[in-house]
Amino acid sequence: MTKTATLYRMVMPDHVCPFGRRALDLLQRHGYAVDDRHLTTRDAVDAFKVEHGVKTTPQTFIDGRRIGGHDDLRRFLGLKVRDPKATTYAPVAAIFGMAAAIAGAASFSAFGAVFTTRAGEWFVGIAMCLLSLQKLRDLDGFANGFLNYDLLAQRVVRYAWVYPWAEGLAGVLMIAGALLWVAIPVALVIGTIGAVSVVKAVYIEKRSLKCACVGGNSNVPLGFVSLLENVLMVAMALWMLARG
């Protein structure tokens, strides 16, 4: 027996609701024949909301029963619904994964091998640049989170706005292998201060804070990830110092 569903969603000349499109895709992938009804004007949307006593669209109906919006449909189909407030390490995994992929690709292009010493150096430098970019996307948001725990930023507030630029600069110079007399001390200073700040806030004071390492709007908990970021910077600086 064919499963059927009726979907009401906004499809206007200047706006096609992404959640409506996602709801349609969900229904189709789960074997439903969909009566896809478009609400093409703001008046039509408002009239639909009043008629059905709902506040949002899209709205899905199955066997005459209103299922609800996109998230309600996911629950009905037995799928997980993402909690936007839940803690996650996904942004960090994506950054380090992409940094590793780029470093490996560059190494293969330059040396014909993915796993080389230079690839390891590039990995750290690229990761620093990507982490810096995330912070610079919302510099004020990053600074607000950073001021919660960084020891130097709490004394010199403007340092919170300098840190992402310093991290990015050190990363670029380390990738290039140029001006290391600038990159090494910058990475050593900001990495050491950052690592000490995280240890004090998380492991000594036992504070529950969000990590500012991937920007101001992340739900990554402060702790191992931020500590890893700073330790990698310090380790990279010491490695480059040692190899001359």
C-alpha atoms as a PDB file:
ATOM      1  CA  MET A   1       0.000   0.000   0.000  1.00  0.00           C
ATOM      2  CA  THR A   2       1.354   3.408  -0.988  1.00  0.00           C
ATOM      3  CA  LYS A   3       2.013   5.754   1.896  1.00  0.00           C
ATOM      4  CA  THR A   4       0.728   9.276   1.279  1.00  0.00           C
ATOM      5  CA  ALA A   5       1.346  12.621   2.910  1.00  0.00           C
ATOM      6  CA  THR A   6       0.274  16.207   2.353  1.00  0.00           C
ATOM      7  CA  LEU A   7       2.880  18.911   2.789  1.00  0.00           C
ATOM      8  CA  TYR A   8       2.216  22.645   2.984  1.00  0.00           C
ATOM      9  CA  ARG A   9       5.317  24.767   2.497  1.00  0.00           C
ATOM     10  CA  MET A  10       6.366  28.262   1.473  1.00  0.00           C
ATOM     11  CA  VAL A  11       7.405  28.546  -2.166  1.00  0.00           C
ATOM     12  CA  MET A  12       7.447  32.255  -2.996  1.00  0.00           C
ATOM     13  CA  PRO A  13       9.186  34.134  -5.808  1.00  0.00           C
ATOM     14  CA  ASP A  14      11.705  35.593  -3.338  1.00  0.00           C
ATOM     15  CA  HIS A  15      11.845  32.809  -0.766  1.00  0.00           C
ATOM     16  CA  VAL A  16      11.671  29.021  -0.800  1.00  0.00           C
ATOM     17  CA  CYS A  17      11.587  27.671   2.745  1.00  0.00           C
ATOM     18  CA  PRO A  18      14.612  25.375   3.243  1.00  0.00           C
ATOM     19  CA  PHE A  19      12.853  23.377   5.954  1.00  0.00           C
ATOM     20  CA  GLY A  20       9.943  22.772   3.591  1.00  0.00           C
ATOM     21  CA  ARG A  21      12.340  21.440   0.991  1.00  0.00           C
ATOM     22  CA  ARG A  22      13.999  19.248   3.592  1.00  0.00           C
ATOM     23  CA  ALA A  23      10.613  17.941   4.786  1.00  0.00           C
ATOM     24  CA  LEU A  24       9.710  17.028   1.192  1.00  0.00           C
ATOM     25  CA  ASP A  25      12.994  15.181   0.797  1.00  0.00           C
ATOM     26  CA  LEU A  26      12.472  13.300   4.079  1.00  0.00           C
ATOM     27  CA  LEU A  27       9.009  12.152   3.059  1.00  0.00           C
ATOM     28  CA  GLN A  28      10.129  11.045  -0.387  1.00  0.00           C
ATOM     29  CA  ARG A  29      13.138   9.171   0.972  1.00  0.00           C
ATOM     30  CA  HIS A  30      10.850   7.342   3.386  1.00  0.00           C
ATOM     31  CA  GLY A  31       8.573   6.138   0.625  1.00  0.00           C
ATOM     32  CA  TYR A  32       5.721   8.661   0.809  1.00  0.00           C
ATOM     33  CA  ALA A  33       3.826   9.903  -2.196  1.00  0.00           C
ATOM     34  CA  VAL A  34       3.623  13.596  -1.376  1.00  0.00           C
ATOM     35  CA  ASP A  35       0.825  16.012  -2.213  1.00  0.00           C
ATOM     36  CA  ASP A  36       3.144  19.011  -2.272  1.00  0.00           C
ATOM     37  CA  ARG A  37       1.061  22.144  -1.736  1.00  0.00           C
ATOM     38  CA  HIS A  38       2.808  25.472  -2.186  1.00  0.00           C
ATOM     39  CA  LEU A  39       1.983  28.606  -0.218  1.00  0.00           C
ATOM     40  CA  THR A  40       3.028  31.227  -2.729  1.00  0.00           C
ATOM     41  CA  THR A  41       2.176  34.506  -0.979  1.00  0.00           C
ATOM     42  CA  ARG A  42       2.500  35.931   2.499  1.00  0.00           C
ATOM     43  CA  ASP A  43      -1.286  36.208   2.703  1.00  0.00           C
ATOM     44  CA  ALA A  44      -1.609  32.508   1.870  1.00  0.00           C
ATOM     45  CA  VAL A  45       0.902  31.622   4.582  1.00  0.00           C
ATOM     46  CA  ASP A  46      -0.874  33.756   7.185  1.00  0.00           C
ATOM     47  CA  ALA A  47      -4.289  32.340   6.242  1.00  0.00           C
ATOM     48  CA  PHE A  48      -2.950  28.780   6.502  1.00  0.00           C
ATOM     49  CA  LYS A  49      -1.512  29.449   9.969  1.00  0.00           C
ATOM     50  CA  VAL A  50      -4.816  30.862  11.200  1.00  0.00           C
ATOM     51  CA  GLU A  51      -6.859  28.028   9.692  1.00  0.00           C
ATOM     52  CA  HIS A  52      -4.758  25.294  11.288  1.00  0.00           C
ATOM     53  CA  GLY A  53      -3.768  27.106  14.473  1.00  0.00           C
ATOM     54  CA  VAL A  54      -0.027  26.831  13.826  1.00  0.00           C
ATOM     55  CA  LYS A  55       2.799  29.332  14.127  1.00  0.00           C
ATOM     56  CA  THR A  56       5.191  28.004  11.501  1.00  0.00           C
ATOM     57  CA  THR A  57       5.435  26.251   8.168  1.00  0.00           C
ATOM     58  CA  PRO A  58       6.072  23.732   6.728  1.00  0.00           C
ATOM     59  CA  GLN A  59       3.341  21.485   8.069  1.00  0.00           C
ATOM     60  CA  THR A  60       2.953  17.802   7.225  1.00  0.00           C
ATOM     61  CA  PHE A  61      -0.277  15.811   7.367  1.00  0.00           C
ATOM     62  CA  ILE A  62      -0.357  12.003   7.218  1.00  0.00           C
ATOM     63  CA  ASP A  63      -3.643  10.053   7.174  1.00  0.00           C
ATOM     64  CA  GLY A  64      -5.498  13.233   8.080  1.00  0.00           C
ATOM     65  CA  ARG A  65      -3.334  13.780  11.154  1.00  0.00           C
ATOM     66  CA  ARG A  66      -1.164  16.854  11.473  1.00  0.00           C
ATOM     67  CA  ILE A  67       2.386  15.744  12.180  1.00  0.00           C
ATOM     68  CA  GLY A  68       3.850  19.245  12.429  1.00  0.00           C
ATOM     69  CA  GLY A  69       6.974  20.976  11.196  1.00  0.00           C
ATOM     70  CA  HIS A  70      10.318  19.640  10.018  1.00  0.00           C
ATOM     71  CA  ASP A  71      11.571  18.606  13.461  1.00  0.00           C
ATOM     72  CA  ASP A  72       8.216  17.027  14.329  1.00  0.00           C
ATOM     73  CA  LEU A  73       8.401  15.052  11.093  1.00  0.00           C
ATOM     74  CA  ARG A  74      11.870  13.791  11.958  1.00  0.00           C
ATOM     75  CA  ARG A  75      10.584  12.588  15.325  1.00  0.00           C
ATOM     76  CA  PHE A  76       7.598  10.916  13.649  1.00  0.00           C
ATOM     77  CA  LEU A  77       9.970   9.071  11.313  1.00  0.00           C
ATOM     78  CA  GLY A  78      12.146   7.973  14.240  1.00  0.00           C
ATOM     79  CA  LEU A  79      15.050  10.247  13.367  1.00  0.00           C
ATOM     80  CA  LYS A  80      17.178  12.308  15.722  1.00  0.00           C
ATOM     81  CA  VAL A  81      16.538  16.018  16.061  1.00  0.00           C
ATOM     82  CA  ARG A  82      19.603  18.159  16.588  1.00  0.00           C
ATOM     83  CA  ASP A  83      19.603  20.238  19.750  1.00  0.00           C
ATOM     84  CA  PRO A  84      21.217  23.591  18.812  1.00  0.00           C
ATOM     85  CA  LYS A  85      22.263  24.062  22.456  1.00  0.00           C
ATOM     86  CA  ALA A  86      23.913  20.647  22.784  1.00  0.00           C
ATOM     87  CA  THR A  87      27.669  20.469  23.169  1.00  0.00           C
ATOM     88  CA  THR A  88      29.520  19.136  20.148  1.00  0.00           C
ATOM     89  CA  TYR A  89      33.034  18.517  18.902  1.00  0.00           C
ATOM     90  CA  ALA A  90      31.966  18.404  15.249  1.00  0.00           C
ATOM     91  CA  PRO A  91      33.402  21.852  14.296  1.00  0.00           C
ATOM     92  CA  VAL A  92      36.793  20.935  15.722  1.00  0.00           C
ATOM     93  CA  ALA A  93      36.810  17.526  14.053  1.00  0.00           C
ATOM     94  CA  ALA A  94      35.983  19.181  10.738  1.00  0.00           C
ATOM     95  CA  ILE A  95      38.776  21.736  11.103  1.00  0.00           C
ATOM     96  CA  PHE A  96      41.479  19.243  12.059  1.00  0.00           C
ATOM     97  CA  GLY A  97      40.257  16.746   9.471  1.00  0.00           C
ATOM     98  CA  MET A  98      40.372  19.323   6.690  1.00  0.00           C
ATOM     99  CA  ALA A  99      43.788  20.551   7.845  1.00  0.00           C
ATOM    100  CA  ALA A 100      45.110  16.991   7.686  1.00  0.00           C
ATOM    101  CA  ALA A 101      43.616  16.454   4.221  1.00  0.00           C
ATOM    102  CA  ILE A 102      45.102  19.691   2.837  1.00  0.00           C
ATOM    103  CA  ALA A 103      48.510  18.984   4.378  1.00  0.00           C
ATOM    104  CA  GLY A 104      48.520  15.450   2.971  1.00  0.00           C
ATOM    105  CA  ALA A 105      47.472  16.659  -0.467  1.00  0.00           C
ATOM    106  CA  ALA A 106      50.153  19.363  -0.516  1.00  0.00           C
ATOM    107  CA  SER A 107      52.776  16.850   0.619  1.00  0.00           C
ATOM    108  CA  PHE A 108      51.763  14.377  -2.088  1.00  0.00           C
ATOM    109  CA  SER A 109      51.921  17.114  -4.708  1.00  0.00           C
ATOM    110  CA  ALA A 110      55.336  18.307  -3.555  1.00  0.00           C
ATOM    111  CA  PHE A 111      57.049  15.064  -2.550  1.00  0.00           C
ATOM    112  CA  GLY A 112      54.945  12.224  -3.952  1.00  0.00           C
ATOM    113  CA  ALA A 113      54.068  10.992  -0.442  1.00  0.00           C
ATOM    114  CA  VAL A 114      51.241  11.899   1.911  1.00  0.00           C
ATOM    115  CA  PHE A 115      53.018  11.232   5.190  1.00  0.00           C
ATOM    116  CA  THR A 116      56.132  13.385   5.425  1.00  0.00           C
ATOM    117  CA  THR A 117      57.713  15.585   8.066  1.00  0.00           C
ATOM    118  CA  ARG A 118      56.717  18.632   6.062  1.00  0.00           C
ATOM    119  CA  ALA A 119      53.102  17.388   5.975  1.00  0.00           C
ATOM    120  CA  GLY A 120      53.133  17.299   9.773  1.00  0.00           C
ATOM    121  CA  GLU A 121      54.397  20.872   9.897  1.00  0.00           C
ATOM    122  CA  TRP A 122      51.848  22.006   7.336  1.00  0.00           C
ATOM    123  CA  PHE A 123      49.069  20.271   9.264  1.00  0.00           C
ATOM    124  CA  VAL A 124      49.723  22.341  12.386  1.00  0.00           C
ATOM    125  CA  GLY A 125      50.112  25.579  10.416  1.00  0.00           C
ATOM    126  CA  ILE A 126      46.948  24.982   8.383  1.00  0.00           C
ATOM    127  CA  ALA A 127      44.986  24.049  11.508  1.00  0.00           C
ATOM    128  CA  MET A 128      46.126  27.287  13.133  1.00  0.00           C
ATOM    129  CA  CYS A 129      44.960  29.272  10.097  1.00  0.00           C
ATOM    130  CA  LEU A 130      41.557  27.551  10.002  1.00  0.00           C
ATOM    131  CA  LEU A 131      41.047  28.035  13.741  1.00  0.00           C
ATOM    132  CA  SER A 132      42.036  31.684  13.353  1.00  0.00           C
ATOM    133  CA  LEU A 133      39.539  32.096  10.520  1.00  0.00           C
ATOM    134  CA  GLN A 134      36.738  30.697  12.682  1.00  0.00           C
ATOM    135  CA  LYS A 135      37.520  33.224  15.382  1.00  0.00           C
ATOM    136  CA  LEU A 136      37.696  36.105  12.906  1.00  0.00           C
ATOM    137  CA  ARG A 137      34.211  35.283  11.553  1.00  0.00           C
ATOM    138  CA  ASP A 138      32.805  36.708  14.802  1.00  0.00           C
ATOM    139  CA  LEU A 139      35.650  38.518  16.497  1.00  0.00           C
ATOM    140  CA  ASP A 140      33.520  40.130  19.206  1.00  0.00           C
ATOM    141  CA  GLY A 141      31.828  36.833  19.991  1.00  0.00           C
ATOM    142  CA  PHE A 142      35.201  35.125  20.272  1.00  0.00           C
ATOM    143  CA  ALA A 143      36.556  37.899  22.492  1.00  0.00           C
ATOM    144  CA  ASN A 144      33.600  37.645  24.870  1.00  0.00           C
ATOM    145  CA  GLY A 145      34.214  33.945  25.376  1.00  0.00           C
ATOM    146  CA  PHE A 146      38.005  34.310  25.510  1.00  0.00           C
ATOM    147  CA  LEU A 147      37.804  36.950  28.243  1.00  0.00           C
ATOM    148  CA  ASN A 148      36.102  34.397  30.472  1.00  0.00           C
ATOM    149  CA  TYR A 149      39.258  32.384  30.968  1.00  0.00           C
ATOM    150  CA  ASP A 150      42.402  33.696  29.265  1.00  0.00           C
ATOM    151  CA  LEU A 151      44.773  35.092  31.880  1.00  0.00           C
ATOM    152  CA  LEU A 152      46.428  37.708  29.651  1.00  0.00           C
ATOM    153  CA  ALA A 153      43.155  38.881  28.082  1.00  0.00           C
ATOM    154  CA  GLN A 154      41.722  39.456  31.540  1.00  0.00           C
ATOM    155  CA  ARG A 155      44.593  41.845  32.241  1.00  0.00           C
ATOM    156  CA  VAL A 156      44.957  43.354  28.746  1.00  0.00           C
ATOM    157  CA  VAL A 157      41.477  43.269  27.234  1.00  0.00           C
ATOM    158  CA  ARG A 158      42.562  44.198  23.688  1.00  0.00           C
ATOM    159  CA  TYR A 159      44.626  41.012  23.564  1.00  0.00           C
ATOM    160  CA  ALA A 160      41.372  39.123  22.984  1.00  0.00           C
ATOM    161  CA  TRP A 161      41.082  40.896  19.611  1.00  0.00           C
ATOM    162  CA  VAL A 162      44.787  40.417  18.815  1.00  0.00           C
ATOM    163  CA  TYR A 163      44.968  36.682  19.525  1.00  0.00           C
ATOM    164  CA  PRO A 164      43.202  35.398  16.356  1.00  0.00           C
ATOM    165  CA  TRP A 165      45.366  37.585  14.112  1.00  0.00           C
ATOM    166  CA  ALA A 166      48.520  36.441  15.911  1.00  0.00           C
ATOM    167  CA  GLU A 167      47.512  32.792  15.573  1.00  0.00           C
ATOM    168  CA  GLY A 168      46.772  33.205  11.873  1.00  0.00           C
ATOM    169  CA  LEU A 169      50.033  35.079  11.241  1.00  0.00           C
ATOM    170  CA  ALA A 170      52.091  32.413  12.997  1.00  0.00           C
ATOM    171  CA  GLY A 171      50.279  29.693  11.048  1.00  0.00           C
ATOM    172  CA  VAL A 172      50.893  31.320   7.669  1.00  0.00           C
ATOM    173  CA  LEU A 173      54.579  31.898   8.405  1.00  0.00           C
ATOM    174  CA  MET A 174      55.019  28.320   9.613  1.00  0.00           C
ATOM    175  CA  ILE A 175      53.429  26.972   6.432  1.00  0.00           C
ATOM    176  CA  ALA A 176      55.754  29.167   4.359  1.00  0.00           C
ATOM    177  CA  GLY A 177      58.785  28.434   6.524  1.00  0.00           C
ATOM    178  CA  ALA A 178      59.489  32.164   6.428  1.00  0.00           C
ATOM    179  CA  LEU A 179      60.172  34.790   9.095  1.00  0.00           C
ATOM    180  CA  LEU A 180      60.337  32.097  11.735  1.00  0.00           C
ATOM    181  CA  TRP A 181      61.969  34.590  14.069  1.00  0.00           C
ATOM    182  CA  VAL A 182      58.478  36.136  14.207  1.00  0.00           C
ATOM    183  CA  ALA A 183      56.365  32.976  14.034  1.00  0.00           C
ATOM    184  CA  ILE A 184      58.185  31.001  16.727  1.00  0.00           C
ATOM    185  CA  PRO A 185      57.989  33.527  19.581  1.00  0.00           C
ATOM    186  CA  VAL A 186      54.393  34.453  18.705  1.00  0.00           C
ATOM    187  CA  ALA A 187      53.289  30.819  18.780  1.00  0.00           C
ATOM    188  CA  LEU A 188      55.261  30.148  21.968  1.00  0.00           C
ATOM    189  CA  VAL A 189      53.794  33.113  23.827  1.00  0.00           C
ATOM    190  CA  ILE A 190      50.132  32.785  22.844  1.00  0.00           C
ATOM    191  CA  GLY A 191      50.226  28.980  23.040  1.00  0.00           C
ATOM    192  CA  THR A 192      51.810  28.883  26.490  1.00  0.00           C
ATOM    193  CA  ILE A 193      49.485  31.511  27.937  1.00  0.00           C
ATOM    194  CA  GLY A 194      46.499  29.774  26.379  1.00  0.00           C
ATOM    195  CA  ALA A 195      47.466  26.350  27.722  1.00  0.00           C
ATOM    196  CA  VAL A 196      48.055  27.665  31.249  1.00  0.00           C
ATOM    197  CA  SER A 197      44.731  29.537  31.140  1.00  0.00           C
ATOM    198  CA  VAL A 198      42.785  26.429  30.109  1.00  0.00           C
ATOM    199  CA  VAL A 199      44.439  24.242  32.764  1.00  0.00           C
ATOM    200  CA  LYS A 200      43.673  26.816  35.442  1.00  0.00           C
ATOM    201  CA  ALA A 201      40.035  27.364  34.389  1.00  0.00           C
ATOM    202  CA  VAL A 202      39.051  23.770  33.632  1.00  0.00           C
ATOM    203  CA  TYR A 203      41.299  21.413  35.550  1.00  0.00           C
ATOM    204  CA  ILE A 204      42.071  23.465  38.664  1.00  0.00           C
ATOM    205  CA  GLU A 205      39.023  25.713  39.121  1.00  0.00           C
ATOM    206  CA  LYS A 206      36.659  23.119  37.540  1.00  0.00           C
ATOM    207  CA  ARG A 207      34.753  25.799  35.643  1.00  0.00           C
ATOM    208  CA  SER A 208      32.232  24.810  32.964  1.00  0.00           C
ATOM    209  CA  LEU A 209      32.869  27.095  29.993  1.00  0.00           C
ATOM    210  CA  LYS A 210      32.433  27.067  26.248  1.00  0.00           C
ATOM    211  CA  CYS A 211      35.584  26.949  24.191  1.00  0.00           C
ATOM    212  CA  ALA A 212      36.256  30.074  22.155  1.00  0.00           C
ATOM    213  CA  CYS A 213      38.701  28.114  19.975  1.00  0.00           C
ATOM    214  CA  VAL A 214      36.312  27.794  17.016  1.00  0.00           C
ATOM    215  CA  GLY A 215      34.590  31.151  17.355  1.00  0.00           C
ATOM    216  CA  GLY A 216      32.027  32.876  19.523  1.00  0.00           C
ATOM    217  CA  ASN A 217      28.933  30.823  18.659  1.00  0.00           C
ATOM    218  CA  SER A 218      30.261  27.326  19.237  1.00  0.00           C
ATOM    219  CA  ASN A 219      29.020  24.838  21.802  1.00  0.00           C
ATOM    220  CA  VAL A 220      32.380  23.120  22.137  1.00  0.00           C
ATOM    221  CA  PRO A 221      33.209  22.703  25.835  1.00  0.00           C
ATOM    222  CA  LEU A 222      36.417  24.324  27.023  1.00  0.00           C
ATOM    223  CA  GLY A 223      38.998  21.734  27.910  1.00  0.00           C
ATOM    224  CA  PHE A 224      40.943  19.174  25.901  1.00  0.00           C
ATOM    225  CA  VAL A 225      40.310  20.771  22.492  1.00  0.00           C
ATOM    226  CA  SER A 226      41.503  24.244  23.436  1.00  0.00           C
ATOM    227  CA  LEU A 227      44.401  22.751  25.342  1.00  0.00           C
ATOM    228  CA  LEU A 228      45.323  20.690  22.265  1.00  0.00           C
ATOM    229  CA  GLU A 229      45.227  23.805  20.071  1.00  0.00           C
ATOM    230  CA  ASN A 230      47.667  25.615  22.342  1.00  0.00           C
ATOM    231  CA  VAL A 231      49.931  22.621  22.934  1.00  0.00           C
ATOM    232  CA  LEU A 232      50.212  22.082  19.159  1.00  0.00           C
ATOM    233  CA  MET A 233      51.276  25.706  18.723  1.00  0.00           C
ATOM    234  CA  VAL A 234      53.927  25.396  21.396  1.00  0.00           C
ATOM    235  CA  ALA A 235      55.147  22.037  20.087  1.00  0.00           C
ATOM    236  CA  MET A 236      55.375  23.363  16.547  1.00  0.00           C
ATOM    237  CA  ALA A 237      57.307  26.424  17.672  1.00  0.00           C
ATOM    238  CA  LEU A 238      59.766  24.271  19.664  1.00  0.00           C
ATOM    239  CA  TRP A 239      60.156  21.863  16.736  1.00  0.00           C
ATOM    240  CA  MET A 240      60.977  24.656  14.310  1.00  0.00           C
ATOM    241  CA  LEU A 241      63.324  26.220  16.837  1.00  0.00           C
ATOM    242  CA  ALA A 242      65.124  22.891  17.280  1.00  0.00           C
ATOM    243  CA  ARG A 243      65.497  22.129  13.578  1.00  0.00           C
ATOM    244  CA  GLY A 244      66.789  25.628  12.908  1.00  0.00           C
END
